[in-house]
Amino acid sequence: MNDTEQLLEQVADRVRTSARRSGGTLPTPLGSTDITRAALILGFPLPPLLAALYTRVGDGGFGPERGLLPLRRAVEAYEAQRASGWRWPEGVLPVADFGCALYACVDCRSDTAQVLLFDPNSGEPELAWSIDTPSLEGWLRGWLDGTAWFCEESAAGEEYDLELAPLARVQIPDLIRPRTP
């Protein structure tokens, strides 16, 4: 079993355990045609790990904070944000709603499926983007082991005045650029 397979199994185990404890049901996994359809609508493919979460674990409702968005909602949120005045970057898919307008997003153009944080509360589009975690794999592992800033049991975050680096200061020149009509 490779690292990705092991990670997917750990996520699935946590989701099953959580559903069992809460008396809830597991989210139904999507089929490969759902992933293909989403990619056609979005204009870019989902990273393999993200696609596997949706097809092997379930269609959202599990994971950090309020859980992964169901894929349909993620696509709708992407389309709405691309049409907004926030200069939403192409290929950056919202995957989790943290409340207060904050989204965790996966950069689907990144080799590692980098996770970005969108926080529009400053009111400035240039300051709304931060790098959360260099990879989707790392983001999921942080959730599983409780070390990510968004985990209640973590020592990171507000207690340590966590400051994510604004993307304007990060060397990703084409991530934030004006949307072309």
N, C-alpha and C. Protein backbone atom coordinates (compact mmCIF):
# COMPACT_ATOMS: atom_id res chain seq x y z
N MET A 1 0.85 -1.18 0.00
CA MET A 1 0.00 0.00 0.00
C MET A 1 0.89 1.24 0.00
N ASN A 2 0.70 2.13 -0.99
CA ASN A 2 1.52 3.34 -1.05
C ASN A 2 0.97 4.41 -0.09
N ASP A 3 1.68 5.54 0.02
CA ASP A 3 1.31 6.60 0.96
C ASP A 3 -0.09 7.15 0.71
N THR A 4 -0.44 7.34 -0.56
CA THR A 4 -1.76 7.88 -0.89
C THR A 4 -2.86 6.90 -0.50
N GLU A 5 -2.65 5.64 -0.81
CA GLU A 5 -3.64 4.61 -0.44
C GLU A 5 -3.80 4.55 1.08
N GLN A 6 -2.69 4.64 1.78
CA GLN A 6 -2.73 4.60 3.23
C GLN A 6 -3.49 5.81 3.78
N LEU A 7 -3.23 6.99 3.21
CA LEU A 7 -3.92 8.21 3.63
C LEU A 7 -5.42 8.10 3.38
N LEU A 8 -5.80 7.63 2.20
CA LEU A 8 -7.23 7.47 1.88
C LEU A 8 -7.90 6.50 2.86
N GLU A 9 -7.21 5.43 3.22
CA GLU A 9 -7.77 4.47 4.18
C GLU A 9 -7.91 5.11 5.56
N GLN A 10 -6.93 5.94 5.96
CA GLN A 10 -7.01 6.61 7.26
C GLN A 10 -8.19 7.59 7.29
N VAL A 11 -8.38 8.33 6.20
CA VAL A 11 -9.51 9.25 6.12
C VAL A 11 -10.82 8.47 6.17
N ALA A 12 -10.93 7.41 5.39
CA ALA A 12 -12.15 6.60 5.37
C ALA A 12 -12.43 6.01 6.76
N ASP A 13 -11.39 5.54 7.45
CA ASP A 13 -11.57 5.00 8.80
C ASP A 13 -12.11 6.07 9.75
N ARG A 14 -11.55 7.26 9.66
CA ARG A 14 -12.00 8.36 10.54
C ARG A 14 -13.45 8.73 10.24
N VAL A 15 -13.80 8.76 8.96
CA VAL A 15 -15.17 9.09 8.57
C VAL A 15 -16.13 8.01 9.06
N ARG A 16 -15.77 6.75 8.90
CA ARG A 16 -16.63 5.65 9.37
C ARG A 16 -16.79 5.70 10.89
N THR A 17 -15.70 5.93 11.61
CA THR A 17 -15.74 6.00 13.07
C THR A 17 -16.62 7.17 13.52
N SER A 18 -16.46 8.30 12.90
CA SER A 18 -17.25 9.48 13.24
C SER A 18 -18.74 9.25 12.98
N ALA A 19 -19.05 8.63 11.85
CA ALA A 19 -20.46 8.34 11.52
C ALA A 19 -21.05 7.36 12.53
N ARG A 20 -20.27 6.36 12.91
CA ARG A 20 -20.73 5.36 13.87
C ARG A 20 -21.01 6.02 15.23
N ARG A 21 -20.10 6.89 15.68
CA ARG A 21 -20.26 7.56 16.98
C ARG A 21 -21.46 8.49 16.99
N SER A 22 -21.68 9.20 15.90
CA SER A 22 -22.76 10.18 15.85
C SER A 22 -24.09 9.58 15.43
N GLY A 23 -24.06 8.33 14.99
CA GLY A 23 -25.27 7.69 14.51
C GLY A 23 -25.67 8.19 13.13
N GLY A 24 -24.76 8.89 12.47
CA GLY A 24 -25.02 9.43 11.14
C GLY A 24 -24.72 8.41 10.05
N THR A 25 -24.91 8.84 8.85
CA THR A 25 -24.62 7.98 7.71
C THR A 25 -23.38 8.47 6.99
N LEU A 26 -22.74 7.57 6.31
CA LEU A 26 -21.57 7.93 5.52
C LEU A 26 -22.02 8.65 4.25
N PRO A 27 -21.26 9.65 3.83
CA PRO A 27 -21.59 10.28 2.56
C PRO A 27 -21.37 9.28 1.43
N THR A 28 -22.22 9.31 0.44
CA THR A 28 -22.11 8.38 -0.69
C THR A 28 -20.98 8.83 -1.61
N PRO A 29 -20.08 7.92 -1.96
CA PRO A 29 -19.02 8.27 -2.92
C PRO A 29 -19.60 8.57 -4.30
N LEU A 30 -18.90 9.39 -5.05
CA LEU A 30 -19.29 9.71 -6.41
C LEU A 30 -18.71 8.69 -7.37
N GLY A 31 -19.23 8.66 -8.58
CA GLY A 31 -18.67 7.83 -9.62
C GLY A 31 -17.67 8.62 -10.45
N SER A 32 -16.89 7.93 -11.24
CA SER A 32 -15.89 8.60 -12.08
C SER A 32 -16.54 9.54 -13.09
N THR A 33 -17.78 9.25 -13.51
CA THR A 33 -18.45 10.16 -14.45
C THR A 33 -18.76 11.50 -13.78
N ASP A 34 -19.03 11.49 -12.47
CA ASP A 34 -19.26 12.75 -11.74
C ASP A 34 -18.00 13.60 -11.72
N ILE A 35 -16.86 12.95 -11.55
CA ILE A 35 -15.58 13.66 -11.53
C ILE A 35 -15.29 14.23 -12.92
N THR A 36 -15.53 13.44 -13.95
CA THR A 36 -15.32 13.89 -15.33
C THR A 36 -16.24 15.06 -15.66
N ARG A 37 -17.50 14.97 -15.25
CA ARG A 37 -18.46 16.04 -15.50
C ARG A 37 -18.02 17.34 -14.81
N ALA A 38 -17.58 17.24 -13.57
CA ALA A 38 -17.11 18.42 -12.84
C ALA A 38 -15.90 19.04 -13.54
N ALA A 39 -14.98 18.20 -13.99
CA ALA A 39 -13.79 18.71 -14.69
C ALA A 39 -14.18 19.44 -15.97
N LEU A 40 -15.16 18.93 -16.67
CA LEU A 40 -15.61 19.59 -17.90
C LEU A 40 -16.24 20.95 -17.60
N ILE A 41 -17.02 21.02 -16.54
CA ILE A 41 -17.64 22.29 -16.14
C ILE A 41 -16.58 23.28 -15.69
N LEU A 42 -15.65 22.81 -14.87
CA LEU A 42 -14.61 23.68 -14.31
C LEU A 42 -13.59 24.13 -15.36
N GLY A 43 -13.31 23.25 -16.30
CA GLY A 43 -12.28 23.54 -17.30
C GLY A 43 -10.89 23.08 -16.88
N PHE A 44 -10.82 22.28 -15.83
CA PHE A 44 -9.55 21.71 -15.36
C PHE A 44 -9.86 20.44 -14.57
N PRO A 45 -8.92 19.50 -14.53
CA PRO A 45 -9.15 18.26 -13.78
C PRO A 45 -8.92 18.46 -12.28
N LEU A 46 -9.57 17.63 -11.51
CA LEU A 46 -9.29 17.61 -10.07
C LEU A 46 -7.98 16.87 -9.84
N PRO A 47 -7.20 17.29 -8.86
CA PRO A 47 -6.00 16.52 -8.52
C PRO A 47 -6.39 15.09 -8.13
N PRO A 48 -5.54 14.11 -8.41
CA PRO A 48 -5.89 12.71 -8.13
C PRO A 48 -6.34 12.44 -6.70
N LEU A 49 -5.68 13.04 -5.70
CA LEU A 49 -6.06 12.79 -4.31
C LEU A 49 -7.45 13.36 -4.02
N LEU A 50 -7.75 14.53 -4.51
CA LEU A 50 -9.07 15.12 -4.30
C LEU A 50 -10.15 14.28 -4.99
N ALA A 51 -9.89 13.86 -6.21
CA ALA A 51 -10.84 13.01 -6.92
C ALA A 51 -11.06 11.71 -6.16
N ALA A 52 -9.99 11.15 -5.62
CA ALA A 52 -10.12 9.89 -4.86
C ALA A 52 -10.92 10.08 -3.58
N LEU A 53 -10.79 11.22 -2.93
CA LEU A 53 -11.61 11.48 -1.74
C LEU A 53 -13.09 11.43 -2.11
N TYR A 54 -13.43 12.06 -3.23
CA TYR A 54 -14.83 12.10 -3.66
C TYR A 54 -15.33 10.74 -4.15
N THR A 55 -14.48 9.94 -4.77
CA THR A 55 -14.94 8.66 -5.33
C THR A 55 -14.78 7.48 -4.37
N ARG A 56 -13.88 7.60 -3.41
CA ARG A 56 -13.63 6.45 -2.54
C ARG A 56 -14.09 6.65 -1.10
N VAL A 57 -14.17 7.92 -0.67
CA VAL A 57 -14.61 8.17 0.72
C VAL A 57 -16.05 8.66 0.71
N GLY A 58 -16.33 9.74 0.00
CA GLY A 58 -17.70 10.24 -0.05
C GLY A 58 -17.76 11.61 -0.67
N ASP A 59 -18.96 12.02 -0.99
CA ASP A 59 -19.21 13.32 -1.62
C ASP A 59 -19.35 14.40 -0.56
N GLY A 60 -18.25 14.71 0.09
CA GLY A 60 -18.22 15.78 1.07
C GLY A 60 -18.85 15.41 2.40
N GLY A 61 -18.91 16.41 3.28
CA GLY A 61 -19.50 16.20 4.59
C GLY A 61 -18.56 15.61 5.62
N PHE A 62 -17.31 15.45 5.29
CA PHE A 62 -16.32 14.93 6.22
C PHE A 62 -15.06 15.77 6.08
N GLY A 63 -14.24 15.77 7.11
CA GLY A 63 -12.99 16.51 7.04
C GLY A 63 -12.98 17.70 7.97
N PRO A 64 -12.03 18.60 7.79
CA PRO A 64 -11.87 19.75 8.68
C PRO A 64 -13.11 20.64 8.76
N GLU A 65 -13.28 21.23 9.93
CA GLU A 65 -14.37 22.16 10.21
C GLU A 65 -15.71 21.58 9.81
N ARG A 66 -16.40 22.19 8.87
CA ARG A 66 -17.72 21.72 8.43
C ARG A 66 -17.62 20.60 7.40
N GLY A 67 -16.42 20.20 7.09
CA GLY A 67 -16.19 19.11 6.16
C GLY A 67 -16.03 19.58 4.72
N LEU A 68 -15.57 18.67 3.89
CA LEU A 68 -15.43 18.97 2.46
C LEU A 68 -16.80 19.32 1.90
N LEU A 69 -16.80 20.27 1.00
CA LEU A 69 -18.04 20.59 0.29
C LEU A 69 -18.38 19.44 -0.63
N PRO A 70 -19.66 19.11 -0.78
CA PRO A 70 -20.02 18.18 -1.84
C PRO A 70 -19.51 18.77 -3.17
N LEU A 71 -19.11 17.91 -4.08
CA LEU A 71 -18.47 18.39 -5.31
C LEU A 71 -19.35 19.38 -6.07
N ARG A 72 -20.62 19.12 -6.14
CA ARG A 72 -21.51 20.05 -6.85
C ARG A 72 -21.47 21.44 -6.23
N ARG A 73 -21.48 21.50 -4.89
CA ARG A 73 -21.40 22.80 -4.20
C ARG A 73 -20.04 23.45 -4.42
N ALA A 74 -18.98 22.66 -4.47
CA ALA A 74 -17.64 23.22 -4.72
C ALA A 74 -17.59 23.85 -6.12
N VAL A 75 -18.16 23.17 -7.10
CA VAL A 75 -18.20 23.70 -8.47
C VAL A 75 -19.03 24.98 -8.50
N GLU A 76 -20.18 24.98 -7.85
CA GLU A 76 -21.03 26.18 -7.81
C GLU A 76 -20.32 27.34 -7.12
N ALA A 77 -19.62 27.06 -6.02
CA ALA A 77 -18.88 28.10 -5.31
C ALA A 77 -17.76 28.65 -6.18
N TYR A 78 -17.07 27.78 -6.91
CA TYR A 78 -16.01 28.22 -7.82
C TYR A 78 -16.58 29.16 -8.88
N GLU A 79 -17.66 28.75 -9.51
CA GLU A 79 -18.26 29.58 -10.55
C GLU A 79 -18.71 30.93 -10.00
N ALA A 80 -19.32 30.92 -8.82
CA ALA A 80 -19.78 32.18 -8.21
C ALA A 80 -18.60 33.09 -7.87
N GLN A 81 -17.54 32.51 -7.34
CA GLN A 81 -16.38 33.32 -6.98
C GLN A 81 -15.65 33.87 -8.21
N ARG A 82 -15.59 33.07 -9.26
CA ARG A 82 -14.95 33.54 -10.50
C ARG A 82 -15.71 34.73 -11.08
N ALA A 83 -17.02 34.77 -10.86
CA ALA A 83 -17.85 35.86 -11.37
C ALA A 83 -17.86 37.06 -10.42
N SER A 84 -17.28 36.90 -9.25
CA SER A 84 -17.30 37.98 -8.25
C SER A 84 -16.17 38.98 -8.51
N GLY A 85 -16.11 39.99 -7.70
CA GLY A 85 -15.06 41.01 -7.82
C GLY A 85 -13.80 40.68 -7.06
N TRP A 86 -13.66 39.43 -6.60
CA TRP A 86 -12.51 39.08 -5.79
C TRP A 86 -11.32 38.55 -6.57
N ARG A 87 -11.35 38.66 -7.87
CA ARG A 87 -10.22 38.19 -8.71
C ARG A 87 -9.85 36.75 -8.35
N TRP A 88 -10.86 35.91 -8.30
CA TRP A 88 -10.65 34.51 -7.95
C TRP A 88 -9.77 33.84 -8.99
N PRO A 89 -8.67 33.22 -8.59
CA PRO A 89 -7.74 32.60 -9.55
C PRO A 89 -8.33 31.38 -10.25
N GLU A 90 -8.00 31.26 -11.50
CA GLU A 90 -8.40 30.09 -12.27
C GLU A 90 -7.76 28.84 -11.67
N GLY A 91 -8.53 27.77 -11.56
CA GLY A 91 -8.00 26.49 -11.09
C GLY A 91 -7.96 26.33 -9.59
N VAL A 92 -8.48 27.31 -8.83
CA VAL A 92 -8.45 27.23 -7.37
C VAL A 92 -9.87 26.91 -6.89
N LEU A 93 -10.07 25.66 -6.49
CA LEU A 93 -11.40 25.16 -6.15
C LEU A 93 -11.66 25.23 -4.65
N PRO A 94 -12.73 25.92 -4.23
CA PRO A 94 -13.09 25.90 -2.81
C PRO A 94 -13.51 24.48 -2.41
N VAL A 95 -12.93 23.95 -1.34
CA VAL A 95 -13.25 22.59 -0.93
C VAL A 95 -13.83 22.50 0.47
N ALA A 96 -13.66 23.53 1.29
CA ALA A 96 -14.19 23.51 2.66
C ALA A 96 -14.58 24.93 3.06
N ASP A 97 -15.73 25.06 3.68
CA ASP A 97 -16.24 26.32 4.18
C ASP A 97 -15.93 26.38 5.67
N PHE A 98 -15.07 27.33 6.07
CA PHE A 98 -14.69 27.46 7.47
C PHE A 98 -15.58 28.45 8.20
N GLY A 99 -16.59 28.98 7.54
CA GLY A 99 -17.46 29.97 8.15
C GLY A 99 -16.87 31.36 8.04
N CYS A 100 -17.67 32.37 8.32
CA CYS A 100 -17.24 33.78 8.25
C CYS A 100 -16.61 34.11 6.90
N ALA A 101 -17.10 33.50 5.84
CA ALA A 101 -16.66 33.72 4.45
C ALA A 101 -15.29 33.12 4.13
N LEU A 102 -14.69 32.37 5.06
CA LEU A 102 -13.40 31.73 4.81
C LEU A 102 -13.59 30.40 4.10
N TYR A 103 -12.78 30.19 3.08
CA TYR A 103 -12.77 28.92 2.35
C TYR A 103 -11.36 28.35 2.35
N ALA A 104 -11.26 27.04 2.51
CA ALA A 104 -10.03 26.32 2.19
C ALA A 104 -10.20 25.91 0.73
N CYS A 105 -9.16 26.12 -0.06
CA CYS A 105 -9.24 25.88 -1.50
C CYS A 105 -8.04 25.05 -1.95
N VAL A 106 -8.26 24.24 -2.96
CA VAL A 106 -7.16 23.46 -3.54
C VAL A 106 -6.77 24.09 -4.86
N ASP A 107 -5.48 24.37 -5.00
CA ASP A 107 -4.95 24.85 -6.27
C ASP A 107 -4.78 23.64 -7.17
N CYS A 108 -5.74 23.44 -8.03
CA CYS A 108 -5.76 22.25 -8.89
C CYS A 108 -4.67 22.28 -9.96
N ARG A 109 -3.99 23.41 -10.13
CA ARG A 109 -2.89 23.50 -11.09
C ARG A 109 -1.54 23.18 -10.44
N SER A 110 -1.53 23.09 -9.14
CA SER A 110 -0.31 22.81 -8.40
C SER A 110 -0.01 21.32 -8.42
N ASP A 111 1.26 20.96 -8.56
CA ASP A 111 1.65 19.55 -8.55
C ASP A 111 1.31 18.85 -7.24
N THR A 112 1.29 19.61 -6.14
CA THR A 112 1.03 19.03 -4.83
C THR A 112 -0.40 19.27 -4.35
N ALA A 113 -1.22 19.92 -5.18
CA ALA A 113 -2.59 20.29 -4.79
C ALA A 113 -2.52 21.17 -3.54
N GLN A 114 -1.70 22.21 -3.63
CA GLN A 114 -1.52 23.15 -2.53
C GLN A 114 -2.86 23.65 -2.00
N VAL A 115 -2.98 23.78 -0.68
CA VAL A 115 -4.22 24.27 -0.07
C VAL A 115 -4.03 25.73 0.30
N LEU A 116 -4.96 26.55 -0.18
CA LEU A 116 -4.93 27.99 0.05
C LEU A 116 -6.10 28.37 0.94
N LEU A 117 -5.97 29.47 1.64
CA LEU A 117 -7.04 29.99 2.47
C LEU A 117 -7.51 31.30 1.86
N PHE A 118 -8.81 31.39 1.63
CA PHE A 118 -9.42 32.62 1.13
C PHE A 118 -10.16 33.27 2.29
N ASP A 119 -9.73 34.48 2.66
CA ASP A 119 -10.34 35.24 3.74
C ASP A 119 -10.58 36.66 3.24
N PRO A 120 -11.81 36.94 2.80
CA PRO A 120 -12.11 38.25 2.24
C PRO A 120 -12.37 39.33 3.28
N ASN A 121 -12.24 39.01 4.55
CA ASN A 121 -12.66 39.94 5.60
C ASN A 121 -11.82 41.21 5.70
N SER A 122 -10.66 41.24 5.06
CA SER A 122 -9.87 42.47 5.04
C SER A 122 -10.48 43.48 4.08
N GLY A 123 -11.27 42.98 3.13
CA GLY A 123 -11.86 43.86 2.12
C GLY A 123 -10.93 44.12 0.95
N GLU A 124 -9.72 43.60 0.98
CA GLU A 124 -8.73 43.83 -0.07
C GLU A 124 -8.44 42.51 -0.80
N PRO A 125 -8.73 42.43 -2.10
CA PRO A 125 -8.47 41.19 -2.83
C PRO A 125 -7.03 40.71 -2.75
N GLU A 126 -6.07 41.63 -2.71
CA GLU A 126 -4.65 41.22 -2.65
C GLU A 126 -4.29 40.57 -1.34
N LEU A 127 -5.06 40.87 -0.29
CA LEU A 127 -4.76 40.33 1.04
C LEU A 127 -5.65 39.16 1.43
N ALA A 128 -6.52 38.75 0.53
CA ALA A 128 -7.50 37.71 0.85
C ALA A 128 -6.91 36.31 0.77
N TRP A 129 -5.78 36.14 0.11
CA TRP A 129 -5.24 34.80 -0.15
C TRP A 129 -4.01 34.51 0.69
N SER A 130 -3.98 33.32 1.27
CA SER A 130 -2.83 32.84 2.04
C SER A 130 -2.58 31.39 1.70
N ILE A 131 -1.35 30.96 1.87
CA ILE A 131 -1.03 29.55 1.73
C ILE A 131 -1.33 28.90 3.07
N ASP A 132 -2.21 27.92 3.06
CA ASP A 132 -2.54 27.19 4.27
C ASP A 132 -1.55 26.05 4.46
N THR A 133 -1.47 25.17 3.48
CA THR A 133 -0.60 24.00 3.54
C THR A 133 -0.03 23.74 2.15
N PRO A 134 1.24 23.38 2.04
CA PRO A 134 1.84 23.16 0.72
C PRO A 134 1.23 22.02 -0.10
N SER A 135 0.43 21.15 0.56
CA SER A 135 -0.16 20.04 -0.20
C SER A 135 -1.48 19.61 0.44
N LEU A 136 -2.36 19.05 -0.40
CA LEU A 136 -3.60 18.49 0.10
C LEU A 136 -3.30 17.32 1.04
N GLU A 137 -2.29 16.55 0.71
CA GLU A 137 -1.90 15.44 1.57
C GLU A 137 -1.54 15.94 2.97
N GLY A 138 -0.73 16.99 3.04
CA GLY A 138 -0.34 17.56 4.33
C GLY A 138 -1.52 18.14 5.10
N TRP A 139 -2.44 18.75 4.38
CA TRP A 139 -3.65 19.32 4.98
C TRP A 139 -4.48 18.21 5.62
N LEU A 140 -4.66 17.11 4.90
CA LEU A 140 -5.42 15.99 5.43
C LEU A 140 -4.71 15.34 6.61
N ARG A 141 -3.39 15.19 6.52
CA ARG A 141 -2.64 14.60 7.63
C ARG A 141 -2.74 15.48 8.88
N GLY A 142 -2.68 16.80 8.70
CA GLY A 142 -2.84 17.71 9.83
C GLY A 142 -4.19 17.57 10.50
N TRP A 143 -5.23 17.35 9.69
CA TRP A 143 -6.57 17.12 10.23
C TRP A 143 -6.61 15.78 10.97
N LEU A 144 -6.05 14.74 10.37
CA LEU A 144 -6.08 13.42 10.99
C LEU A 144 -5.34 13.37 12.32
N ASP A 145 -4.18 14.02 12.39
CA ASP A 145 -3.40 13.94 13.62
C ASP A 145 -3.65 15.10 14.59
N GLY A 146 -4.54 16.04 14.19
CA GLY A 146 -4.92 17.13 15.09
C GLY A 146 -3.91 18.24 15.22
N THR A 147 -2.92 18.31 14.31
CA THR A 147 -1.89 19.35 14.42
C THR A 147 -2.14 20.57 13.55
N ALA A 148 -3.14 20.52 12.68
CA ALA A 148 -3.44 21.65 11.79
C ALA A 148 -4.03 22.80 12.61
N TRP A 149 -3.82 24.02 12.15
CA TRP A 149 -4.27 25.20 12.89
C TRP A 149 -5.78 25.21 13.14
N PHE A 150 -6.55 24.56 12.29
CA PHE A 150 -8.01 24.58 12.42
C PHE A 150 -8.54 23.51 13.36
N CYS A 151 -7.67 22.67 13.89
CA CYS A 151 -8.10 21.62 14.81
C CYS A 151 -8.15 22.17 16.23
N GLU A 152 -9.24 21.89 16.93
CA GLU A 152 -9.39 22.37 18.30
C GLU A 152 -8.26 21.89 19.21
N GLU A 153 -7.79 20.66 18.97
CA GLU A 153 -6.77 20.10 19.84
C GLU A 153 -5.35 20.56 19.48
N SER A 154 -5.22 21.36 18.43
CA SER A 154 -3.91 21.80 17.97
C SER A 154 -3.36 22.93 18.84
N ALA A 155 -2.06 22.96 18.96
CA ALA A 155 -1.38 24.06 19.66
C ALA A 155 -1.12 25.22 18.71
N ALA A 156 -1.42 25.07 17.46
CA ALA A 156 -1.23 26.14 16.48
C ALA A 156 -2.48 27.01 16.43
N GLY A 157 -2.43 28.03 15.62
CA GLY A 157 -3.61 28.86 15.42
C GLY A 157 -3.59 30.09 16.27
N GLU A 158 -4.76 30.50 16.77
CA GLU A 158 -4.89 31.76 17.48
C GLU A 158 -4.01 31.86 18.71
N GLU A 159 -3.84 30.75 19.44
CA GLU A 159 -3.00 30.80 20.63
C GLU A 159 -1.58 31.23 20.31
N TYR A 160 -1.11 30.90 19.12
CA TYR A 160 0.24 31.24 18.73
C TYR A 160 0.25 32.32 17.66
N ASP A 161 -0.86 33.02 17.51
CA ASP A 161 -0.98 34.11 16.55
C ASP A 161 -0.50 33.69 15.17
N LEU A 162 -1.06 32.60 14.69
CA LEU A 162 -0.71 32.07 13.37
C LEU A 162 -0.96 33.12 12.30
N GLU A 163 0.04 33.39 11.52
CA GLU A 163 -0.10 34.31 10.41
C GLU A 163 0.28 33.57 9.14
N LEU A 164 -0.67 33.45 8.26
CA LEU A 164 -0.40 32.82 6.97
C LEU A 164 0.18 33.88 6.05
N ALA A 165 1.13 33.48 5.23
CA ALA A 165 1.79 34.43 4.33
C ALA A 165 0.86 34.82 3.19
N PRO A 166 0.54 36.12 3.05
CA PRO A 166 -0.29 36.53 1.91
C PRO A 166 0.37 36.14 0.60
N LEU A 167 -0.43 35.70 -0.34
CA LEU A 167 0.10 35.26 -1.62
C LEU A 167 0.85 36.35 -2.36
N ALA A 168 0.51 37.60 -2.09
CA ALA A 168 1.21 38.69 -2.76
C ALA A 168 2.70 38.65 -2.45
N ARG A 169 3.07 38.04 -1.29
CA ARG A 169 4.48 37.94 -0.91
C ARG A 169 5.08 36.59 -1.25
N VAL A 170 4.29 35.72 -1.82
CA VAL A 170 4.75 34.38 -2.15
C VAL A 170 5.05 34.33 -3.65
N GLN A 171 6.01 33.55 -4.03
CA GLN A 171 6.41 33.48 -5.44
C GLN A 171 5.48 32.59 -6.25
N ILE A 172 4.27 33.05 -6.46
CA ILE A 172 3.31 32.37 -7.33
C ILE A 172 2.78 33.46 -8.25
N PRO A 173 3.57 33.85 -9.24
CA PRO A 173 3.25 35.04 -10.03
C PRO A 173 1.93 34.99 -10.78
N ASP A 174 1.49 33.83 -11.22
CA ASP A 174 0.27 33.83 -12.02
C ASP A 174 -0.96 33.41 -11.23
N LEU A 175 -0.83 33.20 -9.92
CA LEU A 175 -2.00 32.77 -9.17
C LEU A 175 -3.02 33.89 -9.02
N ILE A 176 -2.56 35.05 -8.64
CA ILE A 176 -3.49 36.17 -8.51
C ILE A 176 -3.24 37.11 -9.67
N ARG A 177 -4.19 37.14 -10.54
CA ARG A 177 -4.11 38.03 -11.69
C ARG A 177 -5.53 38.44 -12.04
N PRO A 178 -5.69 39.57 -12.65
CA PRO A 178 -7.05 39.98 -13.01
C PRO A 178 -7.69 38.97 -13.93
N ARG A 179 -8.98 38.76 -13.73
CA ARG A 179 -9.75 37.87 -14.56
C ARG A 179 -9.94 38.51 -15.92
N THR A 180 -9.77 37.74 -16.95
CA THR A 180 -10.03 38.26 -18.29
C THR A 180 -11.47 38.01 -18.65
N PRO A 181 -12.15 38.99 -19.23
CA PRO A 181 -13.57 38.80 -19.55
C PRO A 181 -13.81 37.74 -20.60
